[in-house]
């Protein structure tokens, strides 16, 4: 049997993981605890880009609310790119935006990407080498391509989302670590 080309393999993987996330009933508590431990072990981190969870993704709100000393940045969709904005209260400071995803209000102060120390990145799948499969529009790859070289990229996922291979392409930005509980 022939091995499918990377784009076909990645499309198949994306379809499989979307189906998995529709039925996954995994508890996020283990992943939230692992992220909390990671934050506690990295006290030098001052500014973290987070995300608003879509169905099936790890909801990080309980962890974020436990660390008001961290400057939290959340993405807003602006055309075909993401901009990052300061949110003081992640539990209440977001509004429905593009694609129905909770985003900072348009009046929230923008945080330059050069000030982000850590990016918490959702995805459909991750592999042990740091590969990530997103939802297919490239928003995170474009954002991360502009990050500081020393900014840490953390993939956040359920253990079931770790796969042997994500079939990375030249434009894909890898993760430095995966937090999966």
Foldseek 3Di string as FASTA:
>chain_A
DDDDALVVVLVVLLVVLVVCLVPDPDDLPQLLVLVLVVCVVCVVFAEEEEEFDDRSFRHNLVSVQVCLRHFYWYWDDDPLETWTFTDNRPVPQWDQHPPRTTHHDPPGHTDDLASHQEYEDEASAAEPVQFGHHNPSCHVLVSVVPHDPNRAYEYEHAPVRYDHDSSDDPSTDGGPYYRHD
